[in-house]
Amino acid sequence: MHEFFASGRAADAVLCVLAVEAIWLIARGNSWRDVVPALLPAVLMIVAVRAALTGAPWPWVSIPLALAFPVHIYDLYRRGMLSRKNASSASTPSDHGEK
């Protein structure tokens, strides 16, 4: 088990699962333009984990981690989840079917 993590194969397995998820989402009719921004932050974080597990130089850990956040923010912005309108209306009872 130690070798599975130390070699980075555990991270490779997670990356494979993310690839399968992307294929599944696209096969269900989602646009790749929607799927890629949604999954890319996870891919970047797992690439950083793999680099850390295998003892790669620090830029291979820090750069993917640093890129994951702006990609995540872009995805939230693209989905309209950062606007004040959505934030204030999300807490109203009418949105949840309550009276």
C-alpha atoms as a PDB file:
ATOM      1  CA  MET A   1       0.000   0.000   0.000  1.00  0.00           C
ATOM      2  CA  HIS A   2       2.892   2.346   0.762  1.00  0.00           C
ATOM      3  CA  GLU A   3       4.196   1.964  -2.783  1.00  0.00           C
ATOM      4  CA  PHE A   4       0.732   2.669  -4.212  1.00  0.00           C
ATOM      5  CA  PHE A   5       0.797   6.142  -2.651  1.00  0.00           C
ATOM      6  CA  ALA A   6       4.537   6.850  -2.829  1.00  0.00           C
ATOM      7  CA  SER A   7       4.624   6.114  -6.555  1.00  0.00           C
ATOM      8  CA  GLY A   8       1.715   8.458  -7.273  1.00  0.00           C
ATOM      9  CA  ARG A   9      -0.528   5.666  -8.510  1.00  0.00           C
ATOM     10  CA  ALA A  10      -3.189   6.621  -5.989  1.00  0.00           C
ATOM     11  CA  ALA A  11      -3.371  10.069  -7.572  1.00  0.00           C
ATOM     12  CA  ASP A  12      -3.403   8.455 -11.017  1.00  0.00           C
ATOM     13  CA  ALA A  13      -6.414   6.399  -9.956  1.00  0.00           C
ATOM     14  CA  VAL A  14      -8.255   9.550  -8.865  1.00  0.00           C
ATOM     15  CA  LEU A  15      -7.380  11.230 -12.177  1.00  0.00           C
ATOM     16  CA  CYS A  16      -8.825   8.213 -13.997  1.00  0.00           C
ATOM     17  CA  VAL A  17     -12.028   8.509 -11.976  1.00  0.00           C
ATOM     18  CA  LEU A  18     -12.242  12.199 -12.893  1.00  0.00           C
ATOM     19  CA  ALA A  19     -11.745  11.316 -16.574  1.00  0.00           C
ATOM     20  CA  VAL A  20     -14.533   8.736 -16.380  1.00  0.00           C
ATOM     21  CA  GLU A  21     -16.752  11.320 -14.689  1.00  0.00           C
ATOM     22  CA  ALA A  22     -16.055  13.826 -17.479  1.00  0.00           C
ATOM     23  CA  ILE A  23     -16.894  11.254 -20.140  1.00  0.00           C
ATOM     24  CA  TRP A  24     -20.067  10.268 -18.287  1.00  0.00           C
ATOM     25  CA  LEU A  25     -21.192  13.889 -17.903  1.00  0.00           C
ATOM     26  CA  ILE A  26     -20.573  14.628 -21.583  1.00  0.00           C
ATOM     27  CA  ALA A  27     -22.343  11.424 -22.609  1.00  0.00           C
ATOM     28  CA  ARG A  28     -25.373  12.578 -20.585  1.00  0.00           C
ATOM     29  CA  GLY A  29     -25.609  15.674 -22.770  1.00  0.00           C
ATOM     30  CA  ASN A  30     -23.525  18.182 -20.855  1.00  0.00           C
ATOM     31  CA  SER A  31     -21.281  20.392 -22.945  1.00  0.00           C
ATOM     32  CA  TRP A  32     -17.544  19.948 -22.542  1.00  0.00           C
ATOM     33  CA  ARG A  33     -17.541  23.732 -22.005  1.00  0.00           C
ATOM     34  CA  ASP A  34     -19.500  23.103 -18.809  1.00  0.00           C
ATOM     35  CA  VAL A  35     -17.688  19.953 -17.719  1.00  0.00           C
ATOM     36  CA  VAL A  36     -14.093  21.153 -18.056  1.00  0.00           C
ATOM     37  CA  PRO A  37     -14.371  24.222 -15.779  1.00  0.00           C
ATOM     38  CA  ALA A  38     -16.279  22.153 -13.235  1.00  0.00           C
ATOM     39  CA  LEU A  39     -13.681  19.371 -13.019  1.00  0.00           C
ATOM     40  CA  LEU A  40     -10.444  21.217 -13.785  1.00  0.00           C
ATOM     41  CA  PRO A  41      -9.871  22.503 -10.224  1.00  0.00           C
ATOM     42  CA  ALA A  42     -10.033  18.913  -8.924  1.00  0.00           C
ATOM     43  CA  VAL A  43      -7.656  17.749 -11.638  1.00  0.00           C
ATOM     44  CA  LEU A  44      -5.183  20.504 -10.774  1.00  0.00           C
ATOM     45  CA  MET A  45      -5.321  19.667  -7.064  1.00  0.00           C
ATOM     46  CA  ILE A  46      -4.755  15.964  -7.730  1.00  0.00           C
ATOM     47  CA  VAL A  47      -1.818  16.792 -10.015  1.00  0.00           C
ATOM     48  CA  ALA A  48      -0.352  18.768  -7.105  1.00  0.00           C
ATOM     49  CA  VAL A  49      -0.983  15.870  -4.703  1.00  0.00           C
ATOM     50  CA  ARG A  50       0.730  13.494  -7.122  1.00  0.00           C
ATOM     51  CA  ALA A  51       3.722  15.814  -7.353  1.00  0.00           C
ATOM     52  CA  ALA A  52       3.943  16.037  -3.577  1.00  0.00           C
ATOM     53  CA  LEU A  53       3.644  12.271  -3.141  1.00  0.00           C
ATOM     54  CA  THR A  54       6.411  11.576  -5.633  1.00  0.00           C
ATOM     55  CA  GLY A  55       8.802  14.214  -4.303  1.00  0.00           C
ATOM     56  CA  ALA A  56       8.649  16.487  -7.340  1.00  0.00           C
ATOM     57  CA  PRO A  57      10.194  19.959  -7.130  1.00  0.00           C
ATOM     58  CA  TRP A  58       8.032  22.535  -5.326  1.00  0.00           C
ATOM     59  CA  PRO A  59       6.809  24.358  -8.479  1.00  0.00           C
ATOM     60  CA  TRP A  60       5.048  21.135  -9.563  1.00  0.00           C
ATOM     61  CA  VAL A  61       3.097  21.279  -6.310  1.00  0.00           C
ATOM     62  CA  SER A  62       2.497  25.003  -5.953  1.00  0.00           C
ATOM     63  CA  ILE A  63       1.607  25.979  -9.534  1.00  0.00           C
ATOM     64  CA  PRO A  64      -1.318  23.557  -9.972  1.00  0.00           C
ATOM     65  CA  LEU A  65      -2.602  24.489  -6.517  1.00  0.00           C
ATOM     66  CA  ALA A  66      -2.344  28.182  -7.331  1.00  0.00           C
ATOM     67  CA  LEU A  67      -4.184  27.685 -10.643  1.00  0.00           C
ATOM     68  CA  ALA A  68      -7.020  25.649  -9.108  1.00  0.00           C
ATOM     69  CA  PHE A  69      -8.505  28.594  -7.218  1.00  0.00           C
ATOM     70  CA  PRO A  70      -8.932  31.049 -10.125  1.00  0.00           C
ATOM     71  CA  VAL A  71     -10.354  28.249 -12.275  1.00  0.00           C
ATOM     72  CA  HIS A  72     -12.836  27.452  -9.496  1.00  0.00           C
ATOM     73  CA  ILE A  73     -13.799  31.138  -9.181  1.00  0.00           C
ATOM     74  CA  TYR A  74     -14.266  31.317 -12.969  1.00  0.00           C
ATOM     75  CA  ASP A  75     -16.582  28.303 -12.831  1.00  0.00           C
ATOM     76  CA  LEU A  76     -18.641  29.858 -10.032  1.00  0.00           C
ATOM     77  CA  TYR A  77     -18.824  33.150 -11.941  1.00  0.00           C
ATOM     78  CA  ARG A  78     -19.808  31.356 -15.144  1.00  0.00           C
ATOM     79  CA  ARG A  79     -22.622  29.579 -13.323  1.00  0.00           C
ATOM     80  CA  GLY A  80     -23.837  32.861 -11.858  1.00  0.00           C
ATOM     81  CA  MET A  81     -23.144  31.761  -8.303  1.00  0.00           C
ATOM     82  CA  LEU A  82     -21.162  34.878  -7.362  1.00  0.00           C
ATOM     83  CA  SER A  83     -23.794  37.510  -8.028  1.00  0.00           C
ATOM     84  CA  ARG A  84     -25.436  39.301  -5.107  1.00  0.00           C
ATOM     85  CA  LYS A  85     -28.861  38.544  -6.555  1.00  0.00           C
ATOM     86  CA  ASN A  86     -28.323  34.775  -6.329  1.00  0.00           C
ATOM     87  CA  ALA A  87     -26.760  35.008  -2.887  1.00  0.00           C
ATOM     88  CA  SER A  88     -29.686  36.938  -1.405  1.00  0.00           C
ATOM     89  CA  SER A  89     -32.422  34.943  -3.121  1.00  0.00           C
ATOM     90  CA  ALA A  90     -30.885  31.612  -2.141  1.00  0.00           C
ATOM     91  CA  SER A  91     -31.962  32.123   1.441  1.00  0.00           C
ATOM     92  CA  THR A  92     -35.578  33.061   0.756  1.00  0.00           C
ATOM     93  CA  PRO A  93     -38.226  30.497   1.705  1.00  0.00           C
ATOM     94  CA  SER A  94     -39.893  30.669  -1.726  1.00  0.00           C
ATOM     95  CA  ASP A  95     -36.834  29.151  -3.374  1.00  0.00           C
ATOM     96  CA  HIS A  96     -37.120  26.042  -1.218  1.00  0.00           C
ATOM     97  CA  GLY A  97     -40.832  25.493  -1.600  1.00  0.00           C
ATOM     98  CA  GLU A  98     -41.497  26.702   1.962  1.00  0.00           C
ATOM     99  CA  LYS A  99     -44.270  29.106   2.955  1.00  0.00           C
END
